[in-house]
Amino acid sequence: IAAPPSVLQLRADELRVRQVIVNLLTNAVKYTPDGGEISVSYN
């Protein structure tokens, strides 16, 4: 996880945004070979 130095907020439906991120992470894990890498960043 690459996080910015300051606190960052988003005005959104927390449950639905988490659902989107989890979907993307699940796909990334599913289609990344063993020993691969996944990075999450936000700014």
PDB file of all heavy atoms in Angstrom:
ATOM      1  N   ILE A   1       0.862  -1.189   0.000  1.00  0.00           N
ATOM      2  CA  ILE A   1       0.000   0.000   0.000  1.00  0.00           C
ATOM      3  C   ILE A   1       0.892   1.229   0.000  1.00  0.00           C
ATOM      4  O   ILE A   1       1.787   1.368   0.848  1.00  0.00           O
ATOM      5  CB  ILE A   1      -0.924   0.030   1.224  1.00  0.00           C
ATOM      6  CG1 ILE A   1      -1.835  -1.212   1.242  1.00  0.00           C
ATOM      7  CG2 ILE A   1      -1.763   1.309   1.237  1.00  0.00           C
ATOM      8  CD1 ILE A   1      -2.707  -1.291   2.477  1.00  0.00           C
ATOM      9  N   ALA A   2       0.664   2.143  -0.945  1.00  0.00           N
ATOM     10  CA  ALA A   2       1.388   3.424  -1.003  1.00  0.00           C
ATOM     11  C   ALA A   2       0.412   4.527  -0.621  1.00  0.00           C
ATOM     12  O   ALA A   2      -0.515   4.838  -1.370  1.00  0.00           O
ATOM     13  CB  ALA A   2       1.953   3.655  -2.402  1.00  0.00           C
ATOM     14  N   ALA A   3       0.630   5.089   0.575  1.00  0.00           N
ATOM     15  CA  ALA A   3      -0.306   6.084   1.102  1.00  0.00           C
ATOM     16  C   ALA A   3       0.324   7.472   1.083  1.00  0.00           C
ATOM     17  O   ALA A   3       1.538   7.612   1.287  1.00  0.00           O
ATOM     18  CB  ALA A   3      -0.714   5.727   2.525  1.00  0.00           C
ATOM     19  N   PRO A   4      -0.453   8.535   0.847  1.00  0.00           N
ATOM     20  CA  PRO A   4       0.070   9.901   0.895  1.00  0.00           C
ATOM     21  C   PRO A   4       0.364  10.302   2.339  1.00  0.00           C
ATOM     22  O   PRO A   4      -0.170   9.703   3.279  1.00  0.00           O
ATOM     23  CB  PRO A   4      -1.076  10.738   0.299  1.00  0.00           C
ATOM     24  CG  PRO A   4      -2.304   9.944   0.603  1.00  0.00           C
ATOM     25  CD  PRO A   4      -1.883   8.511   0.531  1.00  0.00           C
ATOM     26  N   PRO A   5       1.184  11.341   2.557  1.00  0.00           N
ATOM     27  CA  PRO A   5       1.538  11.734   3.939  1.00  0.00           C
ATOM     28  C   PRO A   5       0.375  12.326   4.726  1.00  0.00           C
ATOM     29  O   PRO A   5       0.367  12.284   5.941  1.00  0.00           O
ATOM     30  CB  PRO A   5       2.648  12.770   3.729  1.00  0.00           C
ATOM     31  CG  PRO A   5       2.407  13.319   2.341  1.00  0.00           C
ATOM     32  CD  PRO A   5       1.886  12.165   1.542  1.00  0.00           C
ATOM     33  N   SER A   6      -0.603  12.891   4.042  1.00  0.00           N
ATOM     34  CA  SER A   6      -1.720  13.541   4.738  1.00  0.00           C
ATOM     35  C   SER A   6      -2.965  12.670   4.662  1.00  0.00           C
ATOM     36  O   SER A   6      -3.084  11.787   3.813  1.00  0.00           O
ATOM     37  CB  SER A   6      -2.011  14.905   4.112  1.00  0.00           C
ATOM     38  OG  SER A   6      -2.344  14.766   2.747  1.00  0.00           O
ATOM     39  N   VAL A   7      -3.877  12.946   5.586  1.00  0.00           N
ATOM     40  CA  VAL A   7      -5.150  12.220   5.616  1.00  0.00           C
ATOM     41  C   VAL A   7      -5.983  12.637   4.399  1.00  0.00           C
ATOM     42  O   VAL A   7      -6.104  13.814   4.082  1.00  0.00           O
ATOM     43  CB  VAL A   7      -5.929  12.515   6.914  1.00  0.00           C
ATOM     44  CG1 VAL A   7      -7.291  11.831   6.871  1.00  0.00           C
ATOM     45  CG2 VAL A   7      -5.127  12.038   8.121  1.00  0.00           C
ATOM     46  N   LEU A   8      -6.531  11.653   3.716  1.00  0.00           N
ATOM     47  CA  LEU A   8      -7.326  11.916   2.522  1.00  0.00           C
ATOM     48  C   LEU A   8      -8.702  11.309   2.699  1.00  0.00           C
ATOM     49  O   LEU A   8      -8.832  10.144   3.078  1.00  0.00           O
ATOM     50  CB  LEU A   8      -6.634  11.312   1.299  1.00  0.00           C
ATOM     51  CG  LEU A   8      -7.162  11.749  -0.080  1.00  0.00           C
ATOM     52  CD1 LEU A   8      -7.022  13.259  -0.236  1.00  0.00           C
ATOM     53  CD2 LEU A   8      -6.397  11.049  -1.178  1.00  0.00           C
ATOM     54  N   GLN A   9      -9.744  12.127   2.474  1.00  0.00           N
ATOM     55  CA  GLN A   9     -11.117  11.652   2.650  1.00  0.00           C
ATOM     56  C   GLN A   9     -11.858  11.666   1.321  1.00  0.00           C
ATOM     57  O   GLN A   9     -11.517  12.398   0.385  1.00  0.00           O
ATOM     58  CB  GLN A   9     -11.869  12.521   3.660  1.00  0.00           C
ATOM     59  CG  GLN A   9     -11.437  12.271   5.103  1.00  0.00           C
ATOM     60  CD  GLN A   9     -12.422  12.883   6.072  1.00  0.00           C
ATOM     61  OE1 GLN A   9     -13.049  13.883   5.782  1.00  0.00           O
ATOM     62  NE2 GLN A   9     -12.553  12.262   7.233  1.00  0.00           N
ATOM     63  N   LEU A  10     -12.878  10.833   1.272  1.00  0.00           N
ATOM     64  CA  LEU A  10     -13.712  10.688   0.079  1.00  0.00           C
ATOM     65  C   LEU A  10     -15.165  10.745   0.509  1.00  0.00           C
ATOM     66  O   LEU A  10     -15.553  10.135   1.509  1.00  0.00           O
ATOM     67  CB  LEU A  10     -13.410   9.348  -0.607  1.00  0.00           C
ATOM     68  CG  LEU A  10     -14.250   8.987  -1.844  1.00  0.00           C
ATOM     69  CD1 LEU A  10     -13.933   9.954  -2.965  1.00  0.00           C
ATOM     70  CD2 LEU A  10     -13.954   7.554  -2.269  1.00  0.00           C
ATOM     71  N   ARG A  11     -15.964  11.513  -0.226  1.00  0.00           N
ATOM     72  CA  ARG A  11     -17.410  11.576   0.040  1.00  0.00           C
ATOM     73  C   ARG A  11     -18.076  10.518  -0.828  1.00  0.00           C
ATOM     74  O   ARG A  11     -18.242  10.698  -2.045  1.00  0.00           O
ATOM     75  CB  ARG A  11     -17.953  12.960  -0.301  1.00  0.00           C
ATOM     76  CG  ARG A  11     -19.430  13.154   0.033  1.00  0.00           C
ATOM     77  CD  ARG A  11     -19.636  13.178   1.517  1.00  0.00           C
ATOM     78  NE  ARG A  11     -21.040  13.355   1.858  1.00  0.00           N
ATOM     79  CZ  ARG A  11     -21.514  13.313   3.072  1.00  0.00           C
ATOM     80  NH1 ARG A  11     -20.705  13.115   4.098  1.00  0.00           N
ATOM     81  NH2 ARG A  11     -22.796  13.470   3.307  1.00  0.00           N
ATOM     82  N   ALA A  12     -18.434   9.374  -0.223  1.00  0.00           N
ATOM     83  CA  ALA A  12     -18.950   8.262  -1.018  1.00  0.00           C
ATOM     84  C   ALA A  12     -19.673   7.272  -0.124  1.00  0.00           C
ATOM     85  O   ALA A  12     -19.699   7.401   1.102  1.00  0.00           O
ATOM     86  CB  ALA A  12     -17.791   7.558  -1.747  1.00  0.00           C
ATOM     87  N   ASP A  13     -20.295   6.266  -0.773  1.00  0.00           N
ATOM     88  CA  ASP A  13     -20.911   5.145  -0.066  1.00  0.00           C
ATOM     89  C   ASP A  13     -19.775   4.163   0.269  1.00  0.00           C
ATOM     90  O   ASP A  13     -19.224   3.488  -0.599  1.00  0.00           O
ATOM     91  CB  ASP A  13     -21.957   4.479  -0.969  1.00  0.00           C
ATOM     92  CG  ASP A  13     -22.739   3.399  -0.245  1.00  0.00           C
ATOM     93  OD1 ASP A  13     -22.135   2.671   0.568  1.00  0.00           O
ATOM     94  OD2 ASP A  13     -23.947   3.266  -0.510  1.00  0.00           O
ATOM     95  N   GLU A  14     -19.417   4.107   1.542  1.00  0.00           N
ATOM     96  CA  GLU A  14     -18.253   3.325   1.947  1.00  0.00           C
ATOM     97  C   GLU A  14     -18.389   1.855   1.553  1.00  0.00           C
ATOM     98  O   GLU A  14     -17.440   1.235   1.066  1.00  0.00           O
ATOM     99  CB  GLU A  14     -18.055   3.442   3.468  1.00  0.00           C
ATOM    100  CG  GLU A  14     -16.855   2.676   3.975  1.00  0.00           C
ATOM    101  CD  GLU A  14     -16.630   2.913   5.460  1.00  0.00           C
ATOM    102  OE1 GLU A  14     -17.409   3.656   6.082  1.00  0.00           O
ATOM    103  OE2 GLU A  14     -15.657   2.344   6.001  1.00  0.00           O
ATOM    104  N   LEU A  15     -19.579   1.270   1.735  1.00  0.00           N
ATOM    105  CA  LEU A  15     -19.778  -0.144   1.422  1.00  0.00           C
ATOM    106  C   LEU A  15     -19.545  -0.414  -0.060  1.00  0.00           C
ATOM    107  O   LEU A  15     -18.864  -1.379  -0.431  1.00  0.00           O
ATOM    108  CB  LEU A  15     -21.204  -0.565   1.821  1.00  0.00           C
ATOM    109  CG  LEU A  15     -21.588  -2.007   1.485  1.00  0.00           C
ATOM    110  CD1 LEU A  15     -20.715  -2.972   2.264  1.00  0.00           C
ATOM    111  CD2 LEU A  15     -23.071  -2.246   1.797  1.00  0.00           C
ATOM    112  N   ARG A  16     -20.065   0.471  -0.934  1.00  0.00           N
ATOM    113  CA  ARG A  16     -19.947   0.237  -2.373  1.00  0.00           C
ATOM    114  C   ARG A  16     -18.517   0.469  -2.874  1.00  0.00           C
ATOM    115  O   ARG A  16     -18.028  -0.237  -3.747  1.00  0.00           O
ATOM    116  CB  ARG A  16     -20.928   1.141  -3.124  1.00  0.00           C
ATOM    117  CG  ARG A  16     -22.388   0.824  -2.848  1.00  0.00           C
ATOM    118  CD  ARG A  16     -22.695  -0.617  -3.200  1.00  0.00           C
ATOM    119  NE  ARG A  16     -24.111  -0.934  -2.955  1.00  0.00           N
ATOM    120  CZ  ARG A  16     -24.651  -2.114  -3.174  1.00  0.00           C
ATOM    121  NH1 ARG A  16     -23.881  -3.101  -3.621  1.00  0.00           N
ATOM    122  NH2 ARG A  16     -25.929  -2.342  -2.939  1.00  0.00           N
ATOM    123  N   VAL A  17     -17.818   1.476  -2.324  1.00  0.00           N
ATOM    124  CA  VAL A  17     -16.437   1.700  -2.739  1.00  0.00           C
ATOM    125  C   VAL A  17     -15.556   0.536  -2.287  1.00  0.00           C
ATOM    126  O   VAL A  17     -14.675   0.080  -3.025  1.00  0.00           O
ATOM    127  CB  VAL A  17     -15.919   3.036  -2.180  1.00  0.00           C
ATOM    128  CG1 VAL A  17     -14.450   3.220  -2.536  1.00  0.00           C
ATOM    129  CG2 VAL A  17     -16.731   4.192  -2.746  1.00  0.00           C
ATOM    130  N   ARG A  18     -15.812   0.027  -1.057  1.00  0.00           N
ATOM    131  CA  ARG A  18     -15.054  -1.148  -0.606  1.00  0.00           C
ATOM    132  C   ARG A  18     -15.329  -2.341  -1.531  1.00  0.00           C
ATOM    133  O   ARG A  18     -14.427  -3.121  -1.866  1.00  0.00           O
ATOM    134  CB  ARG A  18     -15.425  -1.513   0.831  1.00  0.00           C
ATOM    135  CG  ARG A  18     -14.620  -2.717   1.344  1.00  0.00           C
ATOM    136  CD  ARG A  18     -15.081  -3.207   2.697  1.00  0.00           C
ATOM    137  NE  ARG A  18     -14.795  -2.234   3.730  1.00  0.00           N
ATOM    138  CZ  ARG A  18     -15.699  -1.566   4.407  1.00  0.00           C
ATOM    139  NH1 ARG A  18     -16.977  -1.758   4.145  1.00  0.00           N
ATOM    140  NH2 ARG A  18     -15.368  -0.701   5.332  1.00  0.00           N
ATOM    141  N   GLN A  19     -16.592  -2.484  -1.954  1.00  0.00           N
ATOM    142  CA  GLN A  19     -16.950  -3.573  -2.871  1.00  0.00           C
ATOM    143  C   GLN A  19     -16.148  -3.474  -4.172  1.00  0.00           C
ATOM    144  O   GLN A  19     -15.656  -4.472  -4.696  1.00  0.00           O
ATOM    145  CB  GLN A  19     -18.450  -3.517  -3.162  1.00  0.00           C
ATOM    146  CG  GLN A  19     -18.957  -4.621  -4.066  1.00  0.00           C
ATOM    147  CD  GLN A  19     -20.460  -4.498  -4.302  1.00  0.00           C
ATOM    148  OE1 GLN A  19     -21.117  -3.638  -3.742  1.00  0.00           O
ATOM    149  NE2 GLN A  19     -20.988  -5.370  -5.124  1.00  0.00           N
ATOM    150  N   VAL A  20     -15.975  -2.238  -4.687  1.00  0.00           N
ATOM    151  CA  VAL A  20     -15.211  -2.045  -5.924  1.00  0.00           C
ATOM    152  C   VAL A  20     -13.745  -2.419  -5.714  1.00  0.00           C
ATOM    153  O   VAL A  20     -13.144  -3.152  -6.503  1.00  0.00           O
ATOM    154  CB  VAL A  20     -15.333  -0.582  -6.392  1.00  0.00           C
ATOM    155  CG1 VAL A  20     -14.395  -0.316  -7.562  1.00  0.00           C
ATOM    156  CG2 VAL A  20     -16.771  -0.280  -6.807  1.00  0.00           C
ATOM    157  N   ILE A  21     -13.144  -1.917  -4.622  1.00  0.00           N
ATOM    158  CA  ILE A  21     -11.723  -2.183  -4.375  1.00  0.00           C
ATOM    159  C   ILE A  21     -11.484  -3.672  -4.177  1.00  0.00           C
ATOM    160  O   ILE A  21     -10.519  -4.254  -4.693  1.00  0.00           O
ATOM    161  CB  ILE A  21     -11.241  -1.375  -3.156  1.00  0.00           C
ATOM    162  CG1 ILE A  21     -11.370   0.130  -3.433  1.00  0.00           C
ATOM    163  CG2 ILE A  21      -9.790  -1.719  -2.830  1.00  0.00           C
ATOM    164  CD1 ILE A  21     -11.044   1.012  -2.257  1.00  0.00           C
ATOM    165  N   VAL A  22     -12.354  -4.329  -3.408  1.00  0.00           N
ATOM    166  CA  VAL A  22     -12.205  -5.769  -3.177  1.00  0.00           C
ATOM    167  C   VAL A  22     -12.338  -6.540  -4.500  1.00  0.00           C
ATOM    168  O   VAL A  22     -11.609  -7.509  -4.749  1.00  0.00           O
ATOM    169  CB  VAL A  22     -13.237  -6.253  -2.131  1.00  0.00           C
ATOM    170  CG1 VAL A  22     -13.239  -7.777  -2.056  1.00  0.00           C
ATOM    171  CG2 VAL A  22     -12.915  -5.665  -0.766  1.00  0.00           C
ATOM    172  N   ASN A  23     -13.280  -6.119  -5.370  1.00  0.00           N
ATOM    173  CA  ASN A  23     -13.412  -6.763  -6.683  1.00  0.00           C
ATOM    174  C   ASN A  23     -12.104  -6.665  -7.474  1.00  0.00           C
ATOM    175  O   ASN A  23     -11.631  -7.634  -8.070  1.00  0.00           O
ATOM    176  CB  ASN A  23     -14.534  -6.109  -7.483  1.00  0.00           C
ATOM    177  CG  ASN A  23     -15.898  -6.673  -7.126  1.00  0.00           C
ATOM    178  OD1 ASN A  23     -15.981  -7.726  -6.506  1.00  0.00           O
ATOM    179  ND2 ASN A  23     -16.947  -5.989  -7.505  1.00  0.00           N
ATOM    180  N   LEU A  24     -11.515  -5.447  -7.485  1.00  0.00           N
ATOM    181  CA  LEU A  24     -10.268  -5.256  -8.227  1.00  0.00           C
ATOM    182  C   LEU A  24      -9.131  -6.083  -7.632  1.00  0.00           C
ATOM    183  O   LEU A  24      -8.328  -6.685  -8.353  1.00  0.00           O
ATOM    184  CB  LEU A  24      -9.895  -3.776  -8.250  1.00  0.00           C
ATOM    185  CG  LEU A  24     -10.903  -2.838  -8.938  1.00  0.00           C
ATOM    186  CD1 LEU A  24     -10.398  -1.406  -8.893  1.00  0.00           C
ATOM    187  CD2 LEU A  24     -11.169  -3.260 -10.377  1.00  0.00           C
ATOM    188  N   LEU A  25      -9.039  -6.098  -6.293  1.00  0.00           N
ATOM    189  CA  LEU A  25      -7.975  -6.870  -5.635  1.00  0.00           C
ATOM    190  C   LEU A  25      -8.163  -8.370  -5.868  1.00  0.00           C
ATOM    191  O   LEU A  25      -7.194  -9.103  -6.087  1.00  0.00           O
ATOM    192  CB  LEU A  25      -7.958  -6.564  -4.144  1.00  0.00           C
ATOM    193  CG  LEU A  25      -7.425  -5.180  -3.751  1.00  0.00           C
ATOM    194  CD1 LEU A  25      -7.648  -4.925  -2.267  1.00  0.00           C
ATOM    195  CD2 LEU A  25      -5.950  -5.036  -4.089  1.00  0.00           C
ATOM    196  N   THR A  26      -9.418  -8.824  -5.817  1.00  0.00           N
ATOM    197  CA  THR A  26      -9.690 -10.247  -6.055  1.00  0.00           C
ATOM    198  C   THR A  26      -9.273 -10.651  -7.471  1.00  0.00           C
ATOM    199  O   THR A  26      -8.650 -11.704  -7.684  1.00  0.00           O
ATOM    200  CB  THR A  26     -11.177 -10.537  -5.836  1.00  0.00           C
ATOM    201  OG1 THR A  26     -11.535 -10.170  -4.492  1.00  0.00           O
ATOM    202  CG2 THR A  26     -11.478 -12.017  -6.019  1.00  0.00           C
ATOM    203  N   ASN A  27      -9.617  -9.807  -8.455  1.00  0.00           N
ATOM    204  CA  ASN A  27      -9.195 -10.091  -9.836  1.00  0.00           C
ATOM    205  C   ASN A  27      -7.676 -10.087  -9.953  1.00  0.00           C
ATOM    206  O   ASN A  27      -7.078 -10.918 -10.644  1.00  0.00           O
ATOM    207  CB  ASN A  27      -9.782  -9.058 -10.789  1.00  0.00           C
ATOM    208  CG  ASN A  27     -11.243  -9.310 -11.081  1.00  0.00           C
ATOM    209  OD1 ASN A  27     -11.773 -10.382 -10.772  1.00  0.00           O
ATOM    210  ND2 ASN A  27     -11.925  -8.336 -11.654  1.00  0.00           N
ATOM    211  N   ALA A  28      -7.023  -9.119  -9.283  1.00  0.00           N
ATOM    212  CA  ALA A  28      -5.568  -9.031  -9.360  1.00  0.00           C
ATOM    213  C   ALA A  28      -4.914 -10.287  -8.791  1.00  0.00           C
ATOM    214  O   ALA A  28      -3.977 -10.835  -9.367  1.00  0.00           O
ATOM    215  CB  ALA A  28      -5.080  -7.789  -8.626  1.00  0.00           C
ATOM    216  N   VAL A  29      -5.408 -10.769  -7.622  1.00  0.00           N
ATOM    217  CA  VAL A  29      -4.859 -11.980  -7.023  1.00  0.00           C
ATOM    218  C   VAL A  29      -5.120 -13.183  -7.935  1.00  0.00           C
ATOM    219  O   VAL A  29      -4.263 -14.054  -8.139  1.00  0.00           O
ATOM    220  CB  VAL A  29      -5.465 -12.206  -5.628  1.00  0.00           C
ATOM    221  CG1 VAL A  29      -5.043 -13.572  -5.076  1.00  0.00           C
ATOM    222  CG2 VAL A  29      -5.038 -11.101  -4.678  1.00  0.00           C
ATOM    223  N   LYS A  30      -6.330 -13.223  -8.509  1.00  0.00           N
ATOM    224  CA  LYS A  30      -6.739 -14.375  -9.315  1.00  0.00           C
ATOM    225  C   LYS A  30      -5.868 -14.522 -10.566  1.00  0.00           C
ATOM    226  O   LYS A  30      -5.479 -15.629 -10.955  1.00  0.00           O
ATOM    227  CB  LYS A  30      -8.215 -14.234  -9.689  1.00  0.00           C
ATOM    228  CG  LYS A  30      -8.781 -15.448 -10.413  1.00  0.00           C
ATOM    229  CD  LYS A  30     -10.192 -15.151 -10.906  1.00  0.00           C
ATOM    230  CE  LYS A  30     -11.133 -14.789  -9.776  1.00  0.00           C
ATOM    231  NZ  LYS A  30     -12.507 -14.574 -10.274  1.00  0.00           N
ATOM    232  N   TYR A  31      -5.556 -13.367 -11.207  1.00  0.00           N
ATOM    233  CA  TYR A  31      -4.857 -13.431 -12.489  1.00  0.00           C
ATOM    234  C   TYR A  31      -3.378 -13.061 -12.389  1.00  0.00           C
ATOM    235  O   TYR A  31      -2.726 -12.770 -13.394  1.00  0.00           O
ATOM    236  CB  TYR A  31      -5.553 -12.521 -13.505  1.00  0.00           C
ATOM    237  CG  TYR A  31      -6.983 -12.920 -13.740  1.00  0.00           C
ATOM    238  CD1 TYR A  31      -8.039 -12.111 -13.339  1.00  0.00           C
ATOM    239  CD2 TYR A  31      -7.278 -14.147 -14.337  1.00  0.00           C
ATOM    240  CE1 TYR A  31      -9.348 -12.487 -13.534  1.00  0.00           C
ATOM    241  CE2 TYR A  31      -8.592 -14.528 -14.536  1.00  0.00           C
ATOM    242  CZ  TYR A  31      -9.622 -13.704 -14.132  1.00  0.00           C
ATOM    243  OH  TYR A  31     -10.920 -14.082 -14.324  1.00  0.00           O
ATOM    244  N   THR A  32      -2.838 -13.022 -11.164  1.00  0.00           N
ATOM    245  CA  THR A  32      -1.400 -12.797 -10.970  1.00  0.00           C
ATOM    246  C   THR A  32      -0.744 -14.132 -10.619  1.00  0.00           C
ATOM    247  O   THR A  32      -1.186 -14.817  -9.686  1.00  0.00           O
ATOM    248  CB  THR A  32      -1.158 -11.781  -9.842  1.00  0.00           C
ATOM    249  OG1 THR A  32      -1.724 -10.526 -10.229  1.00  0.00           O
ATOM    250  CG2 THR A  32       0.339 -11.599  -9.602  1.00  0.00           C
ATOM    251  N   PRO A  33       0.299 -14.524 -11.340  1.00  0.00           N
ATOM    252  CA  PRO A  33       0.955 -15.804 -11.053  1.00  0.00           C
ATOM    253  C   PRO A  33       1.540 -15.831  -9.643  1.00  0.00           C
ATOM    254  O   PRO A  33       1.749 -14.792  -9.014  1.00  0.00           O
ATOM    255  CB  PRO A  33       2.054 -15.880 -12.122  1.00  0.00           C
ATOM    256  CG  PRO A  33       1.631 -14.925 -13.182  1.00  0.00           C
ATOM    257  CD  PRO A  33       0.869 -13.843 -12.507  1.00  0.00           C
ATOM    258  N   ASP A  34       1.829 -17.045  -9.170  1.00  0.00           N
ATOM    259  CA  ASP A  34       2.429 -17.215  -7.839  1.00  0.00           C
ATOM    260  C   ASP A  34       3.722 -16.419  -7.756  1.00  0.00           C
ATOM    261  O   ASP A  34       4.557 -16.419  -8.681  1.00  0.00           O
ATOM    262  CB  ASP A  34       2.720 -18.690  -7.573  1.00  0.00           C
ATOM    263  CG  ASP A  34       1.434 -19.513  -7.490  1.00  0.00           C
ATOM    264  OD1 ASP A  34       0.350 -18.886  -7.550  1.00  0.00           O
ATOM    265  OD2 ASP A  34       1.513 -20.751  -7.381  1.00  0.00           O
ATOM    266  N   GLY A  35       3.866 -15.734  -6.601  1.00  0.00           N
ATOM    267  CA  GLY A  35       5.072 -14.946  -6.384  1.00  0.00           C
ATOM    268  C   GLY A  35       5.012 -13.565  -6.993  1.00  0.00           C
ATOM    269  O   GLY A  35       5.995 -12.821  -6.930  1.00  0.00           O
ATOM    270  N   GLY A  36       3.860 -13.192  -7.561  1.00  0.00           N
ATOM    271  CA  GLY A  36       3.730 -11.878  -8.182  1.00  0.00           C
ATOM    272  C   GLY A  36       3.529 -10.780  -7.148  1.00  0.00           C
ATOM    273  O   GLY A  36       3.551 -11.007  -5.926  1.00  0.00           O
ATOM    274  N   GLU A  37       3.285  -9.553  -7.651  1.00  0.00           N
ATOM    275  CA  GLU A  37       3.136  -8.397  -6.773  1.00  0.00           C
ATOM    276  C   GLU A  37       1.895  -7.593  -7.165  1.00  0.00           C
ATOM    277  O   GLU A  37       1.573  -7.475  -8.341  1.00  0.00           O
ATOM    278  CB  GLU A  37       4.368  -7.495  -6.855  1.00  0.00           C
ATOM    279  CG  GLU A  37       5.651  -8.144  -6.345  1.00  0.00           C
ATOM    280  CD  GLU A  37       6.838  -7.190  -6.461  1.00  0.00           C
ATOM    281  OE1 GLU A  37       6.652  -6.094  -7.037  1.00  0.00           O
ATOM    282  OE2 GLU A  37       7.933  -7.543  -5.960  1.00  0.00           O
ATOM    283  N   ILE A  38       1.270  -7.038  -6.104  1.00  0.00           N
ATOM    284  CA  ILE A  38       0.109  -6.152  -6.284  1.00  0.00           C
ATOM    285  C   ILE A  38       0.356  -4.907  -5.444  1.00  0.00           C
ATOM    286  O   ILE A  38       0.773  -5.020  -4.281  1.00  0.00           O
ATOM    287  CB  ILE A  38      -1.199  -6.823  -5.855  1.00  0.00           C
ATOM    288  CG1 ILE A  38      -1.468  -8.076  -6.693  1.00  0.00           C
ATOM    289  CG2 ILE A  38      -2.367  -5.847  -5.966  1.00  0.00           C
ATOM    290  CD1 ILE A  38      -2.665  -8.873  -6.203  1.00  0.00           C
ATOM    291  N   SER A  39       0.112  -3.733  -5.999  1.00  0.00           N
ATOM    292  CA  SER A  39       0.267  -2.488  -5.238  1.00  0.00           C
ATOM    293  C   SER A  39      -1.040  -1.692  -5.288  1.00  0.00           C
ATOM    294  O   SER A  39      -1.710  -1.660  -6.314  1.00  0.00           O
ATOM    295  CB  SER A  39       1.414  -1.647  -5.807  1.00  0.00           C
ATOM    296  OG  SER A  39       1.119  -1.229  -7.126  1.00  0.00           O
ATOM    297  N   VAL A  40      -1.352  -1.076  -4.152  1.00  0.00           N
ATOM    298  CA  VAL A  40      -2.535  -0.214  -4.044  1.00  0.00           C
ATOM    299  C   VAL A  40      -2.057   1.170  -3.631  1.00  0.00           C
ATOM    300  O   VAL A  40      -1.329   1.300  -2.632  1.00  0.00           O
ATOM    301  CB  VAL A  40      -3.547  -0.748  -3.019  1.00  0.00           C
ATOM    302  CG1 VAL A  40      -4.783   0.145  -2.998  1.00  0.00           C
ATOM    303  CG2 VAL A  40      -3.927  -2.181  -3.339  1.00  0.00           C
ATOM    304  N   SER A  41      -2.441   2.189  -4.369  1.00  0.00           N
ATOM    305  CA  SER A  41      -2.060   3.570  -4.037  1.00  0.00           C
ATOM    306  C   SER A  41      -3.279   4.471  -4.155  1.00  0.00           C
ATOM    307  O   SER A  41      -4.235   4.160  -4.857  1.00  0.00           O
ATOM    308  CB  SER A  41      -0.944   4.055  -4.973  1.00  0.00           C
ATOM    309  OG  SER A  41      -1.395   4.071  -6.312  1.00  0.00           O
ATOM    310  N   TYR A  42      -3.205   5.608  -3.462  1.00  0.00           N
ATOM    311  CA  TYR A  42      -4.294   6.580  -3.541  1.00  0.00           C
ATOM    312  C   TYR A  42      -3.733   7.965  -3.253  1.00  0.00           C
ATOM    313  O   TYR A  42      -2.782   8.138  -2.491  1.00  0.00           O
ATOM    314  CB  TYR A  42      -5.425   6.242  -2.564  1.00  0.00           C
ATOM    315  CG  TYR A  42      -4.997   6.084  -1.127  1.00  0.00           C
ATOM    316  CD1 TYR A  42      -5.063   7.143  -0.228  1.00  0.00           C
ATOM    317  CD2 TYR A  42      -4.529   4.858  -0.674  1.00  0.00           C
ATOM    318  CE1 TYR A  42      -4.682   6.986   1.091  1.00  0.00           C
ATOM    319  CE2 TYR A  42      -4.140   4.683   0.644  1.00  0.00           C
ATOM    320  CZ  TYR A  42      -4.218   5.762   1.525  1.00  0.00           C
ATOM    321  OH  TYR A  42      -3.842   5.608   2.840  1.00  0.00           O
ATOM    322  N   ASN A  43      -4.306   8.984  -3.908  1.00  0.00           N
ATOM    323  CA  ASN A  43      -3.840  10.361  -3.719  1.00  0.00           C
ATOM    324  C   ASN A  43      -4.892  11.322  -4.239  1.00  0.00           C
ATOM    325  O   ASN A  43      -5.845  10.913  -4.905  1.00  0.00           O
ATOM    326  CB  ASN A  43      -2.508  10.583  -4.446  1.00  0.00           C
ATOM    327  CG  ASN A  43      -2.623  10.309  -5.937  1.00  0.00           C
ATOM    328  OD1 ASN A  43      -3.198  11.101  -6.670  1.00  0.00           O
ATOM    329  ND2 ASN A  43      -2.088   9.162  -6.380  1.00  0.00           N
TER     330      ASN A  43
END
